[in-house]
Amino acid sequence: TGGHTTEILRLLSCLSESYSPRHYVLADSDKMSEAKIRSFEQKRAETFSKSQFSLDRIPRSREVRQSWISSVVTTLYSILYSLPLTYKRKPDLILCNGPGTCVPVCLSAFLLGLLRIKRTVIVYVESICRVETLSLSGKILYYFSDYFIVQWPDLKKKYPKSVYLGRIV
């Protein structure tokens, strides 16, 4: 909520019109991000007349300070909710940057690939604020993403599969 949305919108501002339509997935309790996305897309439509986007909501997989045990249950619920959405959208690419909401969506897409229903490229960009350690989402998606981008050289040293591009947001 907020910070992750700002970072992902900065990344999206660099993408061409060919990355359309864009489907945003938000936690059902996230009120702030929707306004930011709509504002971003309104400005984008001034430049790209054929710009298309949609917003989808899923149950939040983990609340801040939620216990590990209960977060397993809520994340599983979120994955079950994400599967039909991911199947319906059948994305070519998922670009995500760390909020817990991205984990169920990415795992759902990964599962669809395993079942040979739809192969989705998963690009995970670790938040700029993660200097020495990965976020919980990063620790999970390090193993499932096709491209795992970090913004600090120390993280590249610790996580050899990662790609260090410098500060991109």
Protein backbone atom coordinates (compact mmCIF):
# COMPACT_ATOMS: atom_id res chain seq x y z
CA THR A 1 0.00 0.00 0.00
CA GLY A 2 1.50 3.28 -1.06
CA GLY A 3 5.27 2.74 -1.31
CA HIS A 4 5.18 -0.40 -3.44
CA THR A 5 2.56 1.21 -5.67
CA THR A 6 4.71 4.30 -6.19
CA GLU A 7 7.70 2.11 -7.11
CA ILE A 8 5.77 -0.05 -9.59
CA LEU A 9 4.22 3.00 -11.25
CA ARG A 10 7.70 4.48 -11.70
CA LEU A 11 8.73 1.26 -13.44
CA LEU A 12 5.61 1.27 -15.60
CA SER A 13 6.16 4.86 -16.66
CA CYS A 14 9.21 3.63 -18.64
CA LEU A 15 7.29 0.99 -20.58
CA SER A 16 6.06 1.45 -24.11
CA GLU A 17 2.48 1.33 -25.31
CA SER A 18 2.97 -2.31 -26.34
CA TYR A 19 2.60 -3.29 -22.67
CA SER A 20 -1.15 -3.04 -22.84
CA PRO A 21 -3.58 -3.91 -21.50
CA ARG A 22 -2.22 -3.75 -17.96
CA HIS A 23 -4.03 -5.63 -15.21
CA TYR A 24 -3.37 -4.39 -11.72
CA VAL A 25 -3.99 -6.71 -8.77
CA LEU A 26 -4.62 -5.06 -5.41
CA ALA A 27 -5.34 -6.34 -1.95
CA ASP A 28 -9.04 -5.97 -1.20
CA SER A 29 -8.24 -3.76 1.79
CA ASP A 30 -5.93 -1.41 -0.17
CA LYS A 31 -7.74 1.89 -0.68
CA MET A 32 -4.81 4.20 -1.43
CA SER A 33 -3.27 2.37 -4.39
CA GLU A 34 -6.38 2.45 -6.56
CA ALA A 35 -6.40 6.25 -6.61
CA LYS A 36 -2.68 6.34 -7.49
CA ILE A 37 -3.17 3.84 -10.33
CA ARG A 38 -6.17 5.66 -11.76
CA SER A 39 -4.26 8.96 -11.71
CA PHE A 40 -1.23 7.34 -13.37
CA GLU A 41 -3.37 5.73 -16.05
CA GLN A 42 -5.26 8.95 -16.71
CA LYS A 43 -1.95 10.74 -17.37
CA ARG A 44 -0.71 7.81 -19.46
CA ALA A 45 -3.84 7.99 -21.64
CA GLU A 46 -2.86 11.54 -22.61
CA THR A 47 0.27 10.14 -24.26
CA PHE A 48 -0.97 6.72 -25.37
CA SER A 49 -4.50 6.98 -26.72
CA LYS A 50 -5.02 3.20 -26.85
CA SER A 51 -3.88 2.65 -23.29
CA GLN A 52 -6.00 0.03 -21.49
CA PHE A 53 -5.98 -1.21 -17.91
CA SER A 54 -8.11 -3.02 -15.37
CA LEU A 55 -8.11 -3.38 -11.60
CA ASP A 56 -8.71 -6.67 -9.81
CA ARG A 57 -8.83 -7.30 -6.11
CA ILE A 58 -7.84 -10.36 -4.11
CA PRO A 59 -7.86 -11.05 -0.38
CA ARG A 60 -4.75 -9.74 1.35
CA SER A 61 -2.37 -12.62 1.88
CA ARG A 62 -0.65 -11.19 4.94
CA GLU A 63 -1.25 -8.20 7.15
CA VAL A 64 1.62 -6.31 8.74
CA ARG A 65 2.67 -8.09 11.97
CA GLN A 66 0.38 -11.05 11.26
CA SER A 67 1.63 -14.30 12.82
CA TRP A 68 3.47 -16.75 10.56
CA ILE A 69 1.00 -19.56 11.20
CA SER A 70 -2.10 -17.55 10.37
CA SER A 71 -0.39 -15.97 7.35
CA VAL A 72 0.04 -19.44 5.83
CA VAL A 73 -3.74 -19.89 5.95
CA THR A 74 -4.55 -16.44 4.57
CA THR A 75 -1.95 -16.83 1.81
CA LEU A 76 -3.40 -20.19 0.78
CA TYR A 77 -6.83 -18.57 0.66
CA SER A 78 -5.40 -15.77 -1.48
CA ILE A 79 -3.81 -18.31 -3.85
CA LEU A 80 -7.13 -20.10 -4.26
CA TYR A 81 -8.76 -16.76 -5.02
CA SER A 82 -5.96 -15.83 -7.45
CA LEU A 83 -6.11 -19.02 -9.52
CA PRO A 84 -9.36 -18.21 -11.37
CA LEU A 85 -8.22 -14.62 -11.88
CA THR A 86 -4.86 -15.67 -13.29
CA TYR A 87 -6.56 -18.29 -15.47
CA LYS A 88 -9.01 -15.68 -16.77
CA ARG A 89 -6.34 -13.02 -17.50
CA LYS A 90 -3.64 -15.46 -18.71
CA PRO A 91 -0.90 -12.82 -18.47
CA ASP A 92 2.19 -12.97 -20.66
CA LEU A 93 4.20 -11.11 -18.02
CA ILE A 94 3.85 -10.39 -14.33
CA LEU A 95 5.89 -7.45 -13.09
CA CYS A 96 5.86 -7.15 -9.33
CA ASN A 97 7.87 -5.47 -6.62
CA GLY A 98 7.24 -6.94 -3.25
CA PRO A 99 3.87 -6.48 -1.62
CA GLY A 100 2.46 -9.72 -0.19
CA THR A 101 -0.33 -9.56 -2.75
CA CYS A 102 2.12 -10.48 -5.51
CA VAL A 103 2.99 -13.87 -3.99
CA PRO A 104 -0.41 -15.56 -4.57
CA VAL A 105 -0.65 -14.12 -8.09
CA CYS A 106 2.86 -15.27 -9.03
CA LEU A 107 2.37 -18.72 -7.50
CA SER A 108 -0.93 -19.06 -9.38
CA ALA A 109 0.76 -18.13 -12.65
CA PHE A 110 3.62 -20.51 -11.91
CA LEU A 111 1.11 -23.31 -11.30
CA LEU A 112 -0.65 -22.59 -14.61
CA GLY A 113 2.74 -22.93 -16.28
CA LEU A 114 3.41 -26.26 -14.57
CA LEU A 115 0.02 -27.49 -15.79
CA ARG A 116 0.92 -26.28 -19.31
CA ILE A 117 -2.14 -24.02 -19.41
CA LYS A 118 -0.24 -20.76 -19.84
CA ARG A 119 3.44 -19.90 -19.45
CA THR A 120 3.89 -16.52 -17.79
CA VAL A 121 7.20 -14.69 -17.40
CA ILE A 122 7.55 -13.49 -13.81
CA VAL A 123 9.77 -10.47 -13.20
CA TYR A 124 10.29 -9.56 -9.57
CA VAL A 125 11.93 -6.25 -8.66
CA GLU A 126 13.02 -6.09 -5.03
CA SER A 127 12.17 -2.78 -3.40
CA ILE A 128 14.86 -0.11 -3.32
CA CYS A 129 14.63 -0.06 0.48
CA ARG A 130 15.89 -3.67 0.68
CA VAL A 131 19.63 -3.03 0.94
CA GLU A 132 21.02 -6.06 2.81
CA THR A 133 18.25 -8.65 3.00
CA LEU A 134 15.30 -9.67 0.86
CA SER A 135 11.72 -9.01 1.81
CA LEU A 136 9.57 -12.03 2.70
CA SER A 137 7.99 -11.84 -0.78
CA GLY A 138 11.46 -11.72 -2.28
CA LYS A 139 12.61 -14.74 -0.28
CA ILE A 140 9.67 -16.72 -1.66
CA LEU A 141 9.67 -15.46 -5.25
CA TYR A 142 13.46 -15.78 -5.64
CA TYR A 143 12.77 -19.44 -6.46
CA PHE A 144 9.75 -18.90 -8.74
CA SER A 145 10.61 -15.81 -10.77
CA ASP A 146 12.21 -15.86 -14.21
CA TYR A 147 14.04 -12.60 -13.52
CA PHE A 148 14.83 -11.43 -10.01
CA ILE A 149 16.09 -7.84 -10.00
CA VAL A 150 17.87 -6.23 -7.06
CA GLN A 151 18.88 -2.60 -6.72
CA TRP A 152 21.91 -2.96 -4.45
CA PRO A 153 25.19 -4.78 -5.23
CA ASP A 154 25.34 -6.52 -1.83
CA LEU A 155 22.11 -8.34 -2.60
CA LYS A 156 23.53 -9.57 -5.90
CA LYS A 157 26.46 -11.05 -3.98
CA LYS A 158 24.13 -12.87 -1.56
CA TYR A 159 21.66 -14.02 -4.21
CA PRO A 160 23.54 -15.15 -7.33
CA LYS A 161 20.40 -15.78 -9.43
CA SER A 162 19.52 -12.10 -9.08
CA VAL A 163 20.23 -9.41 -11.65
CA TYR A 164 21.72 -6.16 -10.44
CA LEU A 165 20.73 -3.17 -12.58
CA GLY A 166 21.52 -0.40 -10.13
CA ARG A 167 18.78 1.81 -8.80
CA ILE A 168 15.88 1.64 -11.23
CA VAL A 169 13.11 3.31 -9.22
